Protein backbone atom coordinates (compact mmCIF):
# COMPACT_ATOMS: atom_id res chain seq x y z
CA MET A 1 54.88 -55.24 30.77
CA ALA A 2 55.23 -51.50 30.84
CA LYS A 3 57.41 -50.25 32.95
CA THR A 4 55.09 -48.66 35.19
CA GLU A 5 53.55 -51.89 35.82
CA VAL A 6 57.08 -53.44 37.03
CA LEU A 7 57.45 -50.41 39.26
CA ASP A 8 54.00 -50.84 40.91
CA LYS A 9 55.07 -54.39 41.53
CA LEU A 10 58.03 -53.27 43.87
CA THR A 11 58.22 -53.78 47.45
CA PHE A 12 59.42 -50.63 49.24
CA LYS A 13 62.52 -52.20 50.24
CA GLN A 14 62.71 -53.34 46.53
CA ALA A 15 61.75 -49.69 45.23
CA PHE A 16 64.44 -47.95 47.75
CA ASP A 17 67.22 -50.54 46.92
CA GLU A 18 67.11 -49.86 43.70
CA LEU A 19 67.06 -46.03 43.87
CA GLU A 20 70.33 -46.01 46.09
CA THR A 21 72.07 -48.26 42.75
CA VAL A 22 70.52 -45.49 40.58
CA VAL A 23 72.27 -42.64 43.40
CA GLU A 24 75.12 -44.25 43.26
CA ARG A 25 75.03 -44.54 39.27
CA LEU A 26 74.91 -40.91 38.95
CA GLY A 27 77.14 -39.75 41.77
CA THR A 28 80.04 -41.30 39.64
CA GLY A 29 79.84 -38.21 36.85
CA ASP A 30 80.99 -40.94 34.19
CA LEU A 31 77.74 -41.92 32.67
CA PRO A 32 76.99 -39.89 29.48
CA LEU A 33 74.37 -37.40 29.09
CA GLU A 34 71.70 -39.71 27.61
CA GLU A 35 72.01 -42.50 29.89
CA ALA A 36 72.73 -40.59 32.99
CA LEU A 37 69.19 -38.58 31.83
CA ALA A 38 67.48 -41.95 31.77
CA LEU A 39 68.78 -42.86 34.82
CA PHE A 40 67.94 -39.87 36.63
CA GLU A 41 64.17 -40.23 35.63
CA HIS A 42 63.82 -43.88 36.38
CA GLY A 43 65.32 -42.85 40.00
CA GLN A 44 62.42 -39.90 40.18
CA ALA A 45 59.82 -43.02 39.34
CA LEU A 46 61.75 -45.28 42.07
CA ALA A 47 61.64 -41.94 44.09
CA THR A 48 57.68 -41.60 43.91
CA ARG A 49 56.77 -45.12 44.47
CA CYS A 50 58.72 -45.08 47.51
CA SER A 51 56.74 -41.82 48.67
CA GLU A 52 53.34 -43.63 47.22
CA LEU A 53 54.11 -46.53 49.24
CA LEU A 54 55.15 -44.40 52.51
CA GLU A 55 51.82 -42.92 52.39
CA GLN A 56 50.03 -45.79 52.44
CA ALA A 57 51.48 -47.51 55.19
CA GLU A 58 51.00 -43.66 56.93
CA LEU A 59 47.15 -44.37 56.42
CA LYS A 60 47.27 -47.54 57.94
CA LEU A 61 48.85 -46.38 61.08
CA ARG A 62 46.79 -47.08 64.46
CA GLN A 63 47.23 -46.55 68.15
CA LEU A 64 45.97 -47.53 71.50
CA VAL A 65 44.96 -45.03 73.44
CA PRO A 66 43.93 -45.47 77.34
CA ASP A 67 39.97 -45.25 77.54
CA GLU A 68 38.16 -44.23 80.23
CA SER A 69 37.32 -47.58 81.90
CA GLY A 70 41.65 -48.28 82.12
CA GLY A 71 41.76 -50.32 79.26
CA TYR A 72 42.66 -49.42 75.79
CA VAL A 73 40.81 -48.61 71.97
CA GLU A 74 42.70 -48.34 69.13
CA LYS A 75 42.62 -45.23 66.51
CA ASP A 76 44.11 -43.97 63.92
CA PHE A 77 47.04 -42.27 64.74
CA GLU A 78 47.80 -38.44 64.48
CA GLY A 79 51.43 -37.93 64.06
CA GLY A 80 52.65 -34.26 63.72
CA ASP A 81 53.05 -33.15 60.13
CA ASP A 82 57.21 -32.65 60.40
CA ARG A 83 56.88 -31.91 56.67
């Protein structure tokens, strides 16, 4: 199975936990250059996966807003873009 196929199957928590491990390993500064570069590239792929999953979740967000009859209706969430 290709690396991208494996990454595509990771949940957000799995990808984030693995990314934290990568950051910790890179932070030690004890790795040979080639290994550090490979680990950095893997971390970039994990960060991309996390970002994709967050974007998908953002698209699913909905909010309840009051309607004219005093009840509530579902509406797409329109949060501020803090980026």
